[in-house]
């Protein structure tokens, strides 16, 4: 565990991740577990959000109570698989703004191809949490963060379910200012760029498309 990478070792996170890795898990079970684990990861990635106070009145007395400081968070989903993490985090932070970056991986070159980009205004004043279940080669994640920085973002965190050492190194090289929170740092990538031992294609397992 480094300043750049946080692995969430909470027993509930690790238990749910094991259930998701099992190829016998149904589409519905996989989707439910992903939503649950995303909330546990979100708890960790939002740990250091800035607070201020405001005056409220409890049933007993007036007090200065802590509230989040500044503009609301923005959650950025890397389509399509990012939406599985997005749903859970939105339940936890329903007031967050939401953006989408559409990227798919060219299966021959393993490079990302952009097809969609729609994000909230005022990114320079927001803390962005970028979500994608898999940090594999890191190419799509780096491309997404590139686009967000070009749009004005300067405070970005990245949340994923699984990470490969190759993807973590690629992100650290390209965006050392973007901390990564994940449930597991797996062993390596195979020749097709999939994480081992991994859990297969998160999008296909989530949406039942394979």
C-alpha atoms as a PDB file:
ATOM      1  CA  UNK A   1       0.000   0.000   0.000  1.00  0.00           C
ATOM      2  CA  UNK A   2       1.423   3.384  -1.072  1.00  0.00           C
ATOM      3  CA  UNK A   3       0.249   6.969  -1.208  1.00  0.00           C
ATOM      4  CA  UNK A   4      -0.709   6.346  -4.846  1.00  0.00           C
ATOM      5  CA  UNK A   5      -2.485   3.021  -4.265  1.00  0.00           C
ATOM      6  CA  UNK A   6      -4.871   1.987  -1.469  1.00  0.00           C
ATOM      7  CA  UNK A   7      -6.015  -1.634  -1.257  1.00  0.00           C
ATOM      8  CA  UNK A   8      -9.167  -1.954   0.833  1.00  0.00           C
ATOM      9  CA  UNK A   9      -8.673  -5.090   2.926  1.00  0.00           C
ATOM     10  CA  UNK A  10     -11.913  -4.852   4.911  1.00  0.00           C
ATOM     11  CA  UNK A  11     -13.306  -8.378   5.440  1.00  0.00           C
ATOM     12  CA  UNK A  12     -16.669  -7.550   3.824  1.00  0.00           C
ATOM     13  CA  UNK A  13     -14.923  -6.205   0.718  1.00  0.00           C
ATOM     14  CA  UNK A  14     -12.735  -9.288   0.397  1.00  0.00           C
ATOM     15  CA  UNK A  15     -15.641 -11.682   1.005  1.00  0.00           C
ATOM     16  CA  UNK A  16     -17.861 -10.049  -1.610  1.00  0.00           C
ATOM     17  CA  UNK A  17     -14.987  -9.927  -4.094  1.00  0.00           C
ATOM     18  CA  UNK A  18     -14.453 -13.685  -3.744  1.00  0.00           C
ATOM     19  CA  UNK A  19     -18.141 -14.295  -4.466  1.00  0.00           C
ATOM     20  CA  UNK A  20     -17.850 -12.102  -7.574  1.00  0.00           C
ATOM     21  CA  UNK A  21     -14.750 -13.891  -8.849  1.00  0.00           C
ATOM     22  CA  UNK A  22     -16.545 -17.248  -8.806  1.00  0.00           C
ATOM     23  CA  UNK A  23     -17.618 -18.031 -12.383  1.00  0.00           C
ATOM     24  CA  UNK A  24     -20.783 -19.672 -10.992  1.00  0.00           C
ATOM     25  CA  UNK A  25     -22.110 -16.295  -9.808  1.00  0.00           C
ATOM     26  CA  UNK A  26     -25.255 -15.312 -11.741  1.00  0.00           C
ATOM     27  CA  UNK A  27     -25.612 -11.999 -13.540  1.00  0.00           C
ATOM     28  CA  UNK A  28     -28.038 -10.763 -10.889  1.00  0.00           C
ATOM     29  CA  UNK A  29     -25.771 -11.830  -8.034  1.00  0.00           C
ATOM     30  CA  UNK A  30     -22.718 -10.249  -9.698  1.00  0.00           C
ATOM     31  CA  UNK A  31     -24.565  -6.971 -10.215  1.00  0.00           C
ATOM     32  CA  UNK A  32     -25.817  -6.884  -6.616  1.00  0.00           C
ATOM     33  CA  UNK A  33     -22.384  -7.621  -5.179  1.00  0.00           C
ATOM     34  CA  UNK A  34     -20.785  -4.957  -7.363  1.00  0.00           C
ATOM     35  CA  UNK A  35     -23.246  -2.371  -6.077  1.00  0.00           C
ATOM     36  CA  UNK A  36     -22.592  -3.395  -2.464  1.00  0.00           C
ATOM     37  CA  UNK A  37     -18.806  -3.436  -2.798  1.00  0.00           C
ATOM     38  CA  UNK A  38     -18.835  -0.063  -4.561  1.00  0.00           C
ATOM     39  CA  UNK A  39     -20.374   1.520  -1.464  1.00  0.00           C
ATOM     40  CA  UNK A  40     -17.658   0.047   0.753  1.00  0.00           C
ATOM     41  CA  UNK A  41     -14.944   1.314  -1.611  1.00  0.00           C
ATOM     42  CA  UNK A  42     -16.631   4.718  -1.770  1.00  0.00           C
ATOM     43  CA  UNK A  43     -16.420   4.957   2.022  1.00  0.00           C
ATOM     44  CA  UNK A  44     -12.630   4.699   1.718  1.00  0.00           C
ATOM     45  CA  UNK A  45     -12.165   7.008  -1.266  1.00  0.00           C
ATOM     46  CA  UNK A  46     -14.221   9.797   0.360  1.00  0.00           C
ATOM     47  CA  UNK A  47     -12.435   9.522   3.712  1.00  0.00           C
ATOM     48  CA  UNK A  48     -10.504  12.793   3.301  1.00  0.00           C
ATOM     49  CA  UNK A  49     -13.211  15.047   1.854  1.00  0.00           C
ATOM     50  CA  UNK A  50     -13.025  18.557   3.267  1.00  0.00           C
ATOM     51  CA  UNK A  51     -15.581  19.563   5.869  1.00  0.00           C
ATOM     52  CA  UNK A  52     -16.917  22.868   7.100  1.00  0.00           C
ATOM     53  CA  UNK A  53     -19.741  23.576   9.559  1.00  0.00           C
ATOM     54  CA  UNK A  54     -23.162  25.147   9.486  1.00  0.00           C
ATOM     55  CA  UNK A  55     -25.616  26.068  12.182  1.00  0.00           C
ATOM     56  CA  UNK A  56     -28.530  23.712  12.758  1.00  0.00           C
ATOM     57  CA  UNK A  57     -31.034  23.166  15.528  1.00  0.00           C
ATOM     58  CA  UNK A  58     -31.396  19.670  16.956  1.00  0.00           C
ATOM     59  CA  UNK A  59     -34.504  18.772  19.003  1.00  0.00           C
ATOM     60  CA  UNK A  60     -32.369  19.696  22.019  1.00  0.00           C
ATOM     61  CA  UNK A  61     -30.379  22.804  21.083  1.00  0.00           C
ATOM     62  CA  UNK A  62     -28.559  24.784  18.413  1.00  0.00           C
ATOM     63  CA  UNK A  63     -25.121  23.611  17.261  1.00  0.00           C
ATOM     64  CA  UNK A  64     -22.454  24.003  14.602  1.00  0.00           C
ATOM     65  CA  UNK A  65     -22.474  20.713  12.697  1.00  0.00           C
ATOM     66  CA  UNK A  66     -20.065  19.314  10.065  1.00  0.00           C
ATOM     67  CA  UNK A  67     -21.051  19.315   6.388  1.00  0.00           C
ATOM     68  CA  UNK A  68     -19.117  18.762   3.165  1.00  0.00           C
ATOM     69  CA  UNK A  69     -17.265  21.849   1.983  1.00  0.00           C
ATOM     70  CA  UNK A  70     -17.434  23.379  -1.472  1.00  0.00           C
ATOM     71  CA  UNK A  71     -19.202  22.200  -4.606  1.00  0.00           C
ATOM     72  CA  UNK A  72     -20.658  18.727  -4.781  1.00  0.00           C
ATOM     73  CA  UNK A  73     -18.648  15.731  -5.887  1.00  0.00           C
ATOM     74  CA  UNK A  74     -18.722  14.578  -9.481  1.00  0.00           C
ATOM     75  CA  UNK A  75     -18.784  10.877 -10.281  1.00  0.00           C
ATOM     76  CA  UNK A  76     -17.376   9.943 -13.678  1.00  0.00           C
ATOM     77  CA  UNK A  77     -18.209   6.530 -15.115  1.00  0.00           C
ATOM     78  CA  UNK A  78     -15.992   4.972 -17.773  1.00  0.00           C
ATOM     79  CA  UNK A  79     -18.609   3.263 -19.943  1.00  0.00           C
ATOM     80  CA  UNK A  80     -19.947   0.724 -19.922  1.00  0.00           C
ATOM     81  CA  UNK A  81     -18.706  -1.297 -16.965  1.00  0.00           C
ATOM     82  CA  UNK A  82     -18.205   1.792 -14.788  1.00  0.00           C
ATOM     83  CA  UNK A  83     -21.968   2.096 -14.434  1.00  0.00           C
ATOM     84  CA  UNK A  84     -21.989  -0.923 -12.128  1.00  0.00           C
ATOM     85  CA  UNK A  85     -19.838   0.943  -9.604  1.00  0.00           C
ATOM     86  CA  UNK A  86     -21.625   4.224 -10.271  1.00  0.00           C
ATOM     87  CA  UNK A  87     -25.023   2.949  -9.108  1.00  0.00           C
ATOM     88  CA  UNK A  88     -23.758   1.973  -5.671  1.00  0.00           C
ATOM     89  CA  UNK A  89     -21.812   5.187  -5.093  1.00  0.00           C
ATOM     90  CA  UNK A  90     -24.831   7.267  -6.127  1.00  0.00           C
ATOM     91  CA  UNK A  91     -26.916   5.564  -3.457  1.00  0.00           C
ATOM     92  CA  UNK A  92     -24.332   6.714  -0.940  1.00  0.00           C
ATOM     93  CA  UNK A  93     -23.900  10.227  -2.409  1.00  0.00           C
ATOM     94  CA  UNK A  94     -27.194  10.987  -4.197  1.00  0.00           C
ATOM     95  CA  UNK A  95     -26.414  14.702  -4.632  1.00  0.00           C
ATOM     96  CA  UNK A  96     -23.267  14.080  -6.699  1.00  0.00           C
ATOM     97  CA  UNK A  97     -23.115  15.269 -10.288  1.00  0.00           C
ATOM     98  CA  UNK A  98     -22.493  12.521 -12.850  1.00  0.00           C
ATOM     99  CA  UNK A  99     -20.470  12.377 -16.048  1.00  0.00           C
ATOM    100  CA  UNK A 100     -19.643   9.684 -18.592  1.00  0.00           C
ATOM    101  CA  UNK A 101     -16.577   8.874 -20.664  1.00  0.00           C
ATOM    102  CA  UNK A 102     -17.182   6.354 -23.419  1.00  0.00           C
ATOM    103  CA  UNK A 103     -14.099   4.323 -24.301  1.00  0.00           C
ATOM    104  CA  UNK A 104     -13.695   0.877 -25.775  1.00  0.00           C
ATOM    105  CA  UNK A 105     -10.524  -1.126 -26.113  1.00  0.00           C
ATOM    106  CA  UNK A 106      -9.264  -2.040 -29.562  1.00  0.00           C
ATOM    107  CA  UNK A 107      -8.719  -5.781 -29.170  1.00  0.00           C
ATOM    108  CA  UNK A 108      -5.677  -5.762 -31.490  1.00  0.00           C
ATOM    109  CA  UNK A 109      -3.766  -2.760 -30.165  1.00  0.00           C
ATOM    110  CA  UNK A 110      -5.281  -2.721 -26.637  1.00  0.00           C
ATOM    111  CA  UNK A 111      -5.505   1.069 -27.054  1.00  0.00           C
ATOM    112  CA  UNK A 112      -8.625   3.019 -26.050  1.00  0.00           C
ATOM    113  CA  UNK A 113     -10.986   4.486 -28.636  1.00  0.00           C
ATOM    114  CA  UNK A 114     -13.221   7.370 -27.515  1.00  0.00           C
ATOM    115  CA  UNK A 115     -16.869   7.462 -28.575  1.00  0.00           C
ATOM    116  CA  UNK A 116     -18.595   9.608 -25.893  1.00  0.00           C
ATOM    117  CA  UNK A 117     -17.762  12.402 -23.437  1.00  0.00           C
ATOM    118  CA  UNK A 118     -20.364  14.209 -21.331  1.00  0.00           C
ATOM    119  CA  UNK A 119     -19.406  15.713 -17.958  1.00  0.00           C
ATOM    120  CA  UNK A 120     -20.764  18.369 -15.550  1.00  0.00           C
ATOM    121  CA  UNK A 121     -19.665  21.991 -15.748  1.00  0.00           C
ATOM    122  CA  UNK A 122     -17.169  23.496 -13.328  1.00  0.00           C
ATOM    123  CA  UNK A 123     -14.890  20.476 -13.036  1.00  0.00           C
ATOM    124  CA  UNK A 124     -12.096  22.710 -11.751  1.00  0.00           C
ATOM    125  CA  UNK A 125     -14.103  23.280  -8.548  1.00  0.00           C
ATOM    126  CA  UNK A 126     -15.099  19.676  -7.936  1.00  0.00           C
ATOM    127  CA  UNK A 127     -13.550  16.511  -6.563  1.00  0.00           C
ATOM    128  CA  UNK A 128     -13.959  13.871  -9.261  1.00  0.00           C
ATOM    129  CA  UNK A 129     -14.214  10.168  -8.529  1.00  0.00           C
ATOM    130  CA  UNK A 130     -13.628   8.163 -11.698  1.00  0.00           C
ATOM    131  CA  UNK A 131     -15.079   4.637 -11.558  1.00  0.00           C
ATOM    132  CA  UNK A 132     -14.254   1.568 -13.644  1.00  0.00           C
ATOM    133  CA  UNK A 133     -14.249  -1.990 -12.267  1.00  0.00           C
ATOM    134  CA  UNK A 134     -10.990  -3.056 -13.922  1.00  0.00           C
ATOM    135  CA  UNK A 135      -7.628  -1.274 -14.070  1.00  0.00           C
ATOM    136  CA  UNK A 136      -5.920  -3.633 -16.513  1.00  0.00           C
ATOM    137  CA  UNK A 137      -3.486  -2.128 -19.023  1.00  0.00           C
ATOM    138  CA  UNK A 138      -4.337   1.327 -17.683  1.00  0.00           C
ATOM    139  CA  UNK A 139      -4.672   2.729 -21.196  1.00  0.00           C
ATOM    140  CA  UNK A 140      -8.400   3.528 -20.967  1.00  0.00           C
ATOM    141  CA  UNK A 141      -8.067   4.958 -17.465  1.00  0.00           C
ATOM    142  CA  UNK A 142      -5.172   7.193 -18.492  1.00  0.00           C
ATOM    143  CA  UNK A 143      -7.114   8.356 -21.566  1.00  0.00           C
ATOM    144  CA  UNK A 144     -10.186   9.153 -19.444  1.00  0.00           C
ATOM    145  CA  UNK A 145      -8.150  11.169 -16.934  1.00  0.00           C
ATOM    146  CA  UNK A 146      -6.422  12.966 -19.829  1.00  0.00           C
ATOM    147  CA  UNK A 147      -9.828  14.057 -21.140  1.00  0.00           C
ATOM    148  CA  UNK A 148     -11.022  15.166 -17.708  1.00  0.00           C
ATOM    149  CA  UNK A 149      -7.900  17.243 -17.079  1.00  0.00           C
ATOM    150  CA  UNK A 150      -8.309  18.846 -20.515  1.00  0.00           C
ATOM    151  CA  UNK A 151     -11.861  19.762 -19.410  1.00  0.00           C
ATOM    152  CA  UNK A 152     -10.474  21.529 -16.327  1.00  0.00           C
ATOM    153  CA  UNK A 153     -10.412  18.867 -13.596  1.00  0.00           C
ATOM    154  CA  UNK A 154      -7.538  19.106 -11.133  1.00  0.00           C
ATOM    155  CA  UNK A 155      -8.723  16.978  -8.181  1.00  0.00           C
ATOM    156  CA  UNK A 156      -9.280  13.391  -9.343  1.00  0.00           C
ATOM    157  CA  UNK A 157      -9.418  10.011  -7.598  1.00  0.00           C
ATOM    158  CA  UNK A 158      -9.784   6.638  -9.311  1.00  0.00           C
ATOM    159  CA  UNK A 159     -11.843   3.758  -7.901  1.00  0.00           C
ATOM    160  CA  UNK A 160     -11.767   0.228  -9.251  1.00  0.00           C
ATOM    161  CA  UNK A 161     -12.612  -3.286  -8.160  1.00  0.00           C
ATOM    162  CA  UNK A 162      -9.448  -4.968  -9.428  1.00  0.00           C
ATOM    163  CA  UNK A 163      -6.079  -3.620 -10.519  1.00  0.00           C
ATOM    164  CA  UNK A 164      -3.142  -5.219 -12.311  1.00  0.00           C
ATOM    165  CA  UNK A 165       0.420  -4.113 -11.520  1.00  0.00           C
ATOM    166  CA  UNK A 166       0.826  -3.008 -15.146  1.00  0.00           C
ATOM    167  CA  UNK A 167      -2.207  -0.718 -14.935  1.00  0.00           C
ATOM    168  CA  UNK A 168      -1.154   0.786 -11.610  1.00  0.00           C
ATOM    169  CA  UNK A 169       2.316   1.535 -13.005  1.00  0.00           C
ATOM    170  CA  UNK A 170       0.841   3.082 -16.177  1.00  0.00           C
ATOM    171  CA  UNK A 171      -1.468   5.330 -14.162  1.00  0.00           C
ATOM    172  CA  UNK A 172       1.292   6.357 -11.765  1.00  0.00           C
ATOM    173  CA  UNK A 173       3.555   7.273 -14.665  1.00  0.00           C
ATOM    174  CA  UNK A 174       0.912   9.287 -16.512  1.00  0.00           C
ATOM    175  CA  UNK A 175      -1.023  10.739 -13.554  1.00  0.00           C
ATOM    176  CA  UNK A 176       0.961  10.526 -10.303  1.00  0.00           C
ATOM    177  CA  UNK A 177      -1.473  13.010  -8.719  1.00  0.00           C
ATOM    178  CA  UNK A 178      -4.450  10.627  -9.065  1.00  0.00           C
ATOM    179  CA  UNK A 179      -4.775   8.220  -6.094  1.00  0.00           C
ATOM    180  CA  UNK A 180      -6.197   4.771  -6.777  1.00  0.00           C
ATOM    181  CA  UNK A 181      -8.502   2.847  -4.434  1.00  0.00           C
ATOM    182  CA  UNK A 182      -9.110  -0.837  -5.214  1.00  0.00           C
ATOM    183  CA  UNK A 183     -10.233  -4.056  -3.565  1.00  0.00           C
ATOM    184  CA  UNK A 184      -7.322  -6.111  -4.923  1.00  0.00           C
ATOM    185  CA  UNK A 185      -3.986  -5.843  -6.696  1.00  0.00           C
ATOM    186  CA  UNK A 186      -3.979  -9.024  -8.768  1.00  0.00           C
ATOM    187  CA  UNK A 187      -0.997 -10.912 -10.188  1.00  0.00           C
ATOM    188  CA  UNK A 188      -0.626  -9.805 -13.820  1.00  0.00           C
ATOM    189  CA  UNK A 189      -2.191  -9.421 -17.262  1.00  0.00           C
ATOM    190  CA  UNK A 190      -2.459 -12.209 -19.806  1.00  0.00           C
ATOM    191  CA  UNK A 191      -1.508 -11.805 -23.477  1.00  0.00           C
ATOM    192  CA  UNK A 192      -4.976 -10.400 -24.260  1.00  0.00           C
ATOM    193  CA  UNK A 193      -4.736  -7.737 -21.552  1.00  0.00           C
ATOM    194  CA  UNK A 194      -7.101  -9.405 -19.086  1.00  0.00           C
ATOM    195  CA  UNK A 195      -6.344  -9.430 -15.361  1.00  0.00           C
ATOM    196  CA  UNK A 196      -5.245 -12.729 -13.773  1.00  0.00           C
ATOM    197  CA  UNK A 197      -6.717 -14.304 -11.694  1.00  0.00           C
ATOM    198  CA  UNK A 198      -9.315 -11.567 -12.209  1.00  0.00           C
ATOM    199  CA  UNK A 199     -13.005 -12.231 -12.719  1.00  0.00           C
ATOM    200  CA  UNK A 200     -13.404 -12.131 -16.483  1.00  0.00           C
ATOM    201  CA  UNK A 201     -15.017  -9.262 -18.377  1.00  0.00           C
ATOM    202  CA  UNK A 202     -16.856  -7.162 -15.772  1.00  0.00           C
ATOM    203  CA  UNK A 203     -19.196  -5.603 -18.330  1.00  0.00           C
ATOM    204  CA  UNK A 204     -20.246  -8.940 -19.801  1.00  0.00           C
ATOM    205  CA  UNK A 205     -20.781 -10.456 -16.363  1.00  0.00           C
ATOM    206  CA  UNK A 206     -22.725  -7.431 -15.157  1.00  0.00           C
ATOM    207  CA  UNK A 207     -25.036  -7.134 -18.144  1.00  0.00           C
ATOM    208  CA  UNK A 208     -25.246 -10.799 -19.148  1.00  0.00           C
ATOM    209  CA  UNK A 209     -23.913 -10.146 -22.641  1.00  0.00           C
ATOM    210  CA  UNK A 210     -21.704 -13.235 -22.840  1.00  0.00           C
END
